[in-house]
Amino acid sequence: MSEKLEKMRADLAKAKERRIQLNNRIELLERRIAEAEKVEVAEMVRTANVTPEQLAILLKQAASAAPNPAALAAAGVTFDNKEDMDESME
């Protein structure tokens, strides 16, 4: 075989190895992001003092319209302080 073909094959092998490494890195980052999102949602639910039942009601309401203070109150959601309520409305 020619030297040129051998070099091209070697470059291809390196590129394939790099692709495998990048795919592994992408999967790792996607898992980390998903876990961070779960933690963030759990913290928001805890801050709002929402029970699983109340959360289910809010999610059903949110599917049809954005929750507003009246909807939150109807579901029995309470906030630790005014700042928590302001943050939830953002």
Protein backbone atom coordinates (compact mmCIF):
# COMPACT_ATOMS: atom_id res chain seq x y z
CA MET A 1 0.00 0.00 0.00
CA SER A 2 1.01 3.51 -0.55
CA GLU A 3 2.21 5.71 2.23
CA LYS A 4 -0.59 8.18 1.45
CA LEU A 5 -3.31 5.53 2.01
CA GLU A 6 -1.72 4.37 5.25
CA LYS A 7 -1.64 7.93 6.53
CA MET A 8 -5.31 8.46 5.58
CA ARG A 9 -6.31 5.22 7.31
CA ALA A 10 -4.39 6.26 10.42
CA ASP A 11 -6.14 9.66 10.39
CA LEU A 12 -9.49 7.90 10.02
CA ALA A 13 -8.75 5.63 12.98
CA LYS A 14 -7.80 8.65 15.12
CA ALA A 15 -10.95 10.50 14.08
CA LYS A 16 -13.12 7.49 14.97
CA GLU A 17 -11.47 7.23 18.38
CA ARG A 18 -12.01 10.94 18.96
CA ARG A 19 -15.68 10.56 17.97
CA ILE A 20 -16.09 7.77 20.53
CA GLN A 21 -14.52 9.96 23.21
CA LEU A 22 -16.76 12.89 22.29
CA ASN A 23 -19.90 10.72 22.30
CA ASN A 24 -18.96 9.43 25.76
CA ARG A 25 -18.42 13.01 26.97
CA ILE A 26 -21.77 14.09 25.52
CA GLU A 27 -23.58 11.25 27.29
CA LEU A 28 -21.89 12.11 30.57
CA LEU A 29 -22.82 15.79 30.27
CA GLU A 30 -26.42 14.93 29.38
CA ARG A 31 -26.69 12.72 32.49
CA ARG A 32 -25.20 15.46 34.69
CA ILE A 33 -27.60 18.06 33.29
CA ALA A 34 -30.60 15.76 33.81
CA GLU A 35 -29.56 15.11 37.42
CA ALA A 36 -29.00 18.84 38.09
CA GLU A 37 -32.46 19.61 36.66
CA LYS A 38 -34.04 17.01 38.96
CA VAL A 39 -32.30 18.51 41.98
CA GLU A 40 -33.36 22.02 41.00
CA VAL A 41 -37.01 21.00 40.60
CA ALA A 42 -36.96 19.18 43.94
CA GLU A 43 -35.54 22.29 45.63
CA MET A 44 -38.27 24.46 44.10
CA VAL A 45 -40.96 22.07 45.30
CA ARG A 46 -39.48 21.99 48.82
CA THR A 47 -39.21 25.79 48.92
CA ALA A 48 -42.85 26.14 47.93
CA ASN A 49 -43.95 23.60 50.58
CA VAL A 50 -45.80 21.60 47.93
CA THR A 51 -47.00 18.06 48.58
CA PRO A 52 -46.91 15.49 45.78
CA GLU A 53 -50.69 15.83 45.45
CA GLN A 54 -50.48 19.62 45.20
CA LEU A 55 -47.71 19.31 42.64
CA ALA A 56 -49.89 17.02 40.54
CA ILE A 57 -52.71 19.60 40.63
CA LEU A 58 -50.33 22.41 39.67
CA LEU A 59 -48.89 20.42 36.78
CA LYS A 60 -52.39 19.70 35.47
CA GLN A 61 -53.26 23.40 35.72
CA ALA A 62 -49.99 24.39 34.05
CA ALA A 63 -50.77 22.14 31.10
CA SER A 64 -53.68 24.41 30.20
CA ALA A 65 -52.51 27.79 31.53
CA ALA A 66 -49.68 29.37 33.47
CA PRO A 67 -50.19 29.07 37.23
CA ASN A 68 -51.11 32.33 38.91
CA PRO A 69 -51.24 33.22 42.62
CA ALA A 70 -54.93 32.28 42.83
CA ALA A 71 -54.28 28.86 41.28
CA LEU A 72 -51.35 28.32 43.63
CA ALA A 73 -53.48 29.26 46.63
CA ALA A 74 -56.31 26.99 45.45
CA ALA A 75 -53.85 24.08 45.37
CA GLY A 76 -52.79 24.94 48.92
CA VAL A 77 -49.28 26.08 48.06
CA THR A 78 -47.66 28.26 50.69
CA PHE A 79 -44.39 30.13 50.54
CA ASP A 80 -41.82 30.65 53.27
CA ASN A 81 -41.63 34.36 52.48
CA LYS A 82 -42.52 36.94 49.84
CA GLU A 83 -39.18 36.50 48.04
CA ASP A 84 -39.96 32.82 47.39
CA MET A 85 -43.28 33.78 45.83
CA ASP A 86 -41.64 36.46 43.69
CA GLU A 87 -39.06 33.95 42.46
CA SER A 88 -41.75 31.40 41.57
CA MET A 89 -43.57 33.91 39.42
CA GLU A 90 -40.50 34.64 37.25
